[in-house]
C-alpha cells in the first residue's frame, strides 16, 4: 500500500511540474494545478483557473481563441477526468469549486454554461448550451445555424451516468438527475428527476427530513 501511495505522489508531482511549465501562457491563473500526461489544453490565454484543479490523463480543454468573449473558467479543487471534453465552442463555461467532471463527459459552451460548487457529473454525460435551427427544412442552411441558450446548474447537484442536459435548462441546487435522464425542462431545487423525457420522481421534504415520492396525476 505504501508503495502505491508513493507512486501516486510521484505522478501528482510530475503533473504539477507539467502544469507549472505552461504557467506563463495563462492570462489569469494560480500555478498550483495538475496536468497529467495526455491532457490537452488549447487557448491558454482564455482559460482562467484557481488552484488545486486536476486535469487527468487525456482530458481535453479547448477554447477557440478567434472568437471574442469566449472563455473557460474553473475555480478551485475541481477534477476533470480522463477523456472529458470542455469546449467553449464560441461561448463560455464557468465552473465553481469542488466539482467532479467524470470520464467522457462533454460540456459545450456555445450559449454559456454555469456550474456551481460541489457538483458531481458522472461519466458519459452531455451538457449542451445550443440547439440546431430546423425551422426551414428546405433551406441550404438547414441545421447549420445554432441557437444559443444558457444552461445553469446550481450547487450540490448530482447528474447520473449518460444523462443529457439540453440547452437553456436551469437545474436547481441540491437536485439529483438519475442515470440516463434527458433533462428538457427546468428542475427545481431539492428534486430528483429521471427518465426520457425527465420527470419529477421525488422532492425533499424539509419538515419530514426525507425524500418524498411525487405521485403522478390521476393516481
Protein backbone atom coordinates (compact mmCIF):
# COMPACT_ATOMS: atom_id res chain seq x y z
CA UNK A 1 0.00 0.00 0.00
CA UNK A 2 2.82 2.41 0.90
CA UNK A 3 4.45 1.68 -2.46
CA UNK A 4 1.32 2.65 -4.39
CA UNK A 5 0.86 5.79 -2.32
CA UNK A 6 4.40 6.84 -3.17
CA UNK A 7 3.76 6.19 -6.87
CA UNK A 8 0.65 8.36 -6.72
CA UNK A 9 2.60 11.17 -5.08
CA UNK A 10 5.32 10.98 -7.72
CA UNK A 11 2.74 11.08 -10.53
CA UNK A 12 0.99 14.04 -8.93
CA UNK A 13 4.33 15.83 -8.57
CA UNK A 14 5.06 15.29 -12.25
CA UNK A 15 1.57 16.59 -13.11
CA UNK A 16 2.31 19.74 -11.10
CA UNK A 17 5.58 20.29 -12.99
CA UNK A 18 3.82 19.76 -16.33
CA UNK A 19 1.35 22.49 -15.48
CA UNK A 20 3.97 24.83 -14.00
CA UNK A 21 5.96 24.72 -17.26
CA UNK A 22 2.89 26.07 -19.07
CA UNK A 23 2.04 28.58 -16.33
CA UNK A 24 3.31 31.60 -18.25
CA UNK A 25 0.81 31.08 -21.08
CA UNK A 26 -2.21 31.79 -18.88
CA UNK A 27 -3.90 35.17 -18.72
CA UNK A 28 -5.04 34.65 -15.13
CA UNK A 29 -4.42 31.59 -13.02
CA UNK A 30 -2.77 30.10 -9.97
CA UNK A 31 0.29 27.97 -10.57
CA UNK A 32 -0.86 25.23 -8.16
CA UNK A 33 -2.69 22.98 -10.64
CA UNK A 34 -2.04 19.50 -12.01
CA UNK A 35 -1.87 18.44 -15.66
CA UNK A 36 -1.43 14.68 -16.13
CA UNK A 37 0.19 13.10 -19.24
CA UNK A 38 -2.01 13.17 -22.33
CA UNK A 39 -4.18 16.06 -21.11
CA UNK A 40 -4.59 18.66 -23.86
CA UNK A 41 -5.33 22.34 -23.34
CA UNK A 42 -5.84 24.82 -26.20
CA UNK A 43 -6.44 28.52 -25.86
CA UNK A 44 -4.33 29.12 -22.75
CA UNK A 45 -4.87 32.87 -22.91
CA UNK A 46 -8.63 32.47 -22.37
CA UNK A 47 -8.51 29.81 -19.69
CA UNK A 48 -8.87 31.13 -16.12
CA UNK A 49 -8.01 28.89 -13.18
CA UNK A 50 -7.96 28.98 -9.42
CA UNK A 51 -5.81 26.43 -7.59
CA UNK A 52 -5.72 22.67 -7.00
CA UNK A 53 -7.51 21.74 -10.22
CA UNK A 54 -6.67 18.32 -11.66
CA UNK A 55 -6.71 17.56 -15.40
CA UNK A 56 -6.47 13.79 -15.65
CA UNK A 57 -4.99 11.74 -18.48
CA UNK A 58 -6.40 12.56 -21.93
CA UNK A 59 -8.82 15.19 -20.69
CA UNK A 60 -9.44 17.92 -23.27
CA UNK A 61 -9.91 21.65 -22.61
CA UNK A 62 -10.46 23.62 -25.82
CA UNK A 63 -11.01 27.37 -26.27
CA UNK A 64 -11.34 28.54 -29.87
CA UNK A 65 -9.43 31.77 -29.38
CA UNK A 66 -10.54 33.53 -32.56
CA UNK A 67 -13.98 34.30 -31.10
CA UNK A 68 -14.18 37.41 -28.91
CA UNK A 69 -15.55 36.98 -25.41
CA UNK A 70 -15.28 33.20 -25.16
CA UNK A 71 -13.53 31.60 -22.21
CA UNK A 72 -13.38 28.67 -19.82
CA UNK A 73 -13.03 29.38 -16.10
CA UNK A 74 -12.60 26.94 -13.21
CA UNK A 75 -12.44 27.84 -9.54
CA UNK A 76 -10.59 25.68 -7.01
CA UNK A 77 -10.33 21.94 -6.30
CA UNK A 78 -12.03 20.68 -9.48
CA UNK A 79 -11.28 17.34 -11.14
CA UNK A 80 -11.65 16.84 -14.90
CA UNK A 81 -11.48 13.10 -15.55
CA UNK A 82 -9.95 11.13 -18.41
CA UNK A 83 -11.44 11.75 -21.87
CA UNK A 84 -13.72 14.51 -20.58
CA UNK A 85 -14.13 17.42 -23.01
CA UNK A 86 -14.75 21.05 -22.06
CA UNK A 87 -15.18 23.06 -25.27
CA UNK A 88 -16.10 26.74 -25.31
CA UNK A 89 -17.46 26.48 -28.89
CA UNK A 90 -17.62 30.26 -29.17
CA UNK A 91 -19.17 30.80 -25.74
CA UNK A 92 -18.27 30.44 -22.08
CA UNK A 93 -18.01 27.68 -19.48
CA UNK A 94 -17.85 28.76 -15.83
CA UNK A 95 -17.27 26.11 -13.14
CA UNK A 96 -17.11 26.90 -9.42
CA UNK A 97 -15.27 25.00 -6.67
CA UNK A 98 -15.01 21.34 -5.59
CA UNK A 99 -16.68 19.84 -8.67
CA UNK A 100 -16.10 16.43 -10.23
CA UNK A 101 -16.40 16.00 -14.01
CA UNK A 102 -16.45 12.29 -14.84
CA UNK A 103 -14.92 10.31 -17.68
CA UNK A 104 -16.14 11.10 -21.21
CA UNK A 105 -18.30 13.98 -20.02
CA UNK A 106 -18.81 16.65 -22.71
CA UNK A 107 -19.67 20.26 -21.90
CA UNK A 108 -20.39 22.61 -24.82
CA UNK A 109 -20.38 26.34 -24.09
CA UNK A 110 -21.88 27.98 -27.18
CA UNK A 111 -24.71 29.69 -25.26
CA UNK A 112 -22.93 29.66 -21.91
CA UNK A 113 -22.75 27.00 -19.20
CA UNK A 114 -22.60 27.92 -15.50
CA UNK A 115 -21.91 25.19 -12.91
CA UNK A 116 -21.91 25.97 -9.19
CA UNK A 117 -20.00 24.27 -6.38
CA UNK A 118 -19.75 20.70 -5.06
CA UNK A 119 -21.38 19.10 -8.11
CA UNK A 120 -20.83 15.54 -9.37
CA UNK A 121 -21.23 14.94 -13.09
CA UNK A 122 -20.99 11.23 -13.83
CA UNK A 123 -19.37 9.52 -16.83
CA UNK A 124 -20.81 9.93 -20.30
CA UNK A 125 -22.98 12.96 -19.54
CA UNK A 126 -23.52 15.62 -22.23
CA UNK A 127 -24.30 19.22 -21.23
CA UNK A 128 -25.33 21.48 -24.10
CA UNK A 129 -25.98 25.21 -24.42
CA UNK A 130 -27.23 25.40 -28.00
CA UNK A 131 -29.53 23.59 -30.41
CA UNK A 132 -29.77 23.42 -34.19
CA UNK A 133 -32.23 25.53 -36.13
CA UNK A 134 -34.60 23.21 -38.02
CA UNK A 135 -37.29 25.82 -38.75
CA UNK A 136 -36.64 25.81 -42.54
CA UNK A 137 -36.04 22.19 -43.61
CA UNK A 138 -35.87 23.12 -47.33
CA UNK A 139 -33.15 25.76 -46.90
CA UNK A 140 -29.50 25.04 -47.70
CA UNK A 141 -28.62 26.19 -44.18
CA UNK A 142 -30.89 23.54 -42.62
CA UNK A 143 -29.42 22.51 -39.23
CA UNK A 144 -26.23 24.54 -39.75
CA UNK A 145 -27.25 27.55 -37.66
CA UNK A 146 -27.07 27.11 -33.89
CA UNK A 147 -29.43 28.71 -31.40
CA UNK A 148 -27.58 29.53 -28.14
CA UNK A 149 -29.29 29.25 -24.75
CA UNK A 150 -27.59 29.49 -21.36
CA UNK A 151 -27.57 26.36 -19.22
CA UNK A 152 -27.23 26.71 -15.44
CA UNK A 153 -26.50 24.05 -12.80
CA UNK A 154 -26.71 25.04 -9.12
CA UNK A 155 -24.70 23.88 -6.11
CA UNK A 156 -24.61 20.29 -4.80
CA UNK A 157 -26.14 18.77 -7.95
CA UNK A 158 -25.56 15.12 -8.85
CA UNK A 159 -26.00 14.21 -12.52
CA UNK A 160 -26.03 10.45 -13.15
CA UNK A 161 -24.22 8.48 -15.84
CA UNK A 162 -25.10 9.03 -19.52
CA UNK A 163 -27.56 11.86 -18.89
CA UNK A 164 -28.24 14.67 -21.37
CA UNK A 165 -28.88 18.26 -20.29
CA UNK A 166 -30.31 20.23 -23.21
CA UNK A 167 -29.73 23.92 -23.93
CA UNK A 168 -31.41 26.54 -21.76
CA UNK A 169 -32.15 24.29 -18.78
CA UNK A 170 -31.81 25.52 -15.20
CA UNK A 171 -31.11 22.77 -12.62
CA UNK A 172 -31.69 23.93 -9.07
CA UNK A 173 -29.34 23.33 -6.15
CA UNK A 174 -29.31 20.02 -4.23
CA UNK A 175 -31.01 18.19 -7.09
CA UNK A 176 -30.35 14.69 -8.42
CA UNK A 177 -30.59 13.65 -12.07
CA UNK A 178 -30.97 9.87 -12.39
CA UNK A 179 -28.71 7.95 -14.79
CA UNK A 180 -29.77 8.09 -18.43
CA UNK A 181 -32.12 11.05 -17.96
CA UNK A 182 -32.78 13.61 -20.69
CA UNK A 183 -33.35 16.93 -18.93
CA UNK A 184 -35.53 19.09 -21.16
CA UNK A 185 -37.16 21.35 -18.56
CA UNK A 186 -36.02 23.33 -15.54
CA UNK A 187 -35.50 21.35 -12.34
CA UNK A 188 -36.49 22.89 -9.01
CA UNK A 189 -34.10 22.72 -6.03
CA UNK A 190 -34.16 19.57 -3.86
CA UNK A 191 -35.74 17.48 -6.63
CA UNK A 192 -34.98 14.05 -8.10
CA UNK A 193 -35.66 13.75 -11.83
CA UNK A 194 -35.42 10.66 -14.05
CA UNK A 195 -36.50 9.20 -17.38
CA UNK A 196 -36.83 10.24 -21.01
CA UNK A 197 -38.07 12.89 -21.01
CA UNK A 198 -37.08 13.68 -17.44
CA UNK A 199 -39.93 13.87 -14.92
CA UNK A 200 -40.05 14.59 -11.22
CA UNK A 201 -39.76 11.43 -9.09
CA UNK A 202 -39.14 12.77 -5.58
CA UNK A 203 -38.83 16.03 -3.69
CA UNK A 204 -37.05 16.60 -0.42
CA UNK A 205 -39.34 17.48 2.49
CA UNK A 206 -37.55 19.76 4.94
CA UNK A 207 -40.24 19.16 7.57
CA UNK A 208 -40.05 15.35 7.31
CA UNK A 209 -36.32 15.40 6.52
CA UNK A 210 -36.63 12.79 3.76
CA UNK A 211 -37.20 12.41 0.02
CA UNK A 212 -40.93 12.10 -0.71
CA UNK A 213 -42.31 10.27 -3.74
CA UNK A 214 -44.27 12.54 -6.12
CA UNK A 215 -47.49 10.88 -7.26
CA UNK A 216 -48.42 11.18 -10.92
CA UNK A 217 -51.67 12.88 -11.83
CA UNK A 218 -54.59 10.53 -11.98
CA UNK A 219 -53.17 8.15 -9.35
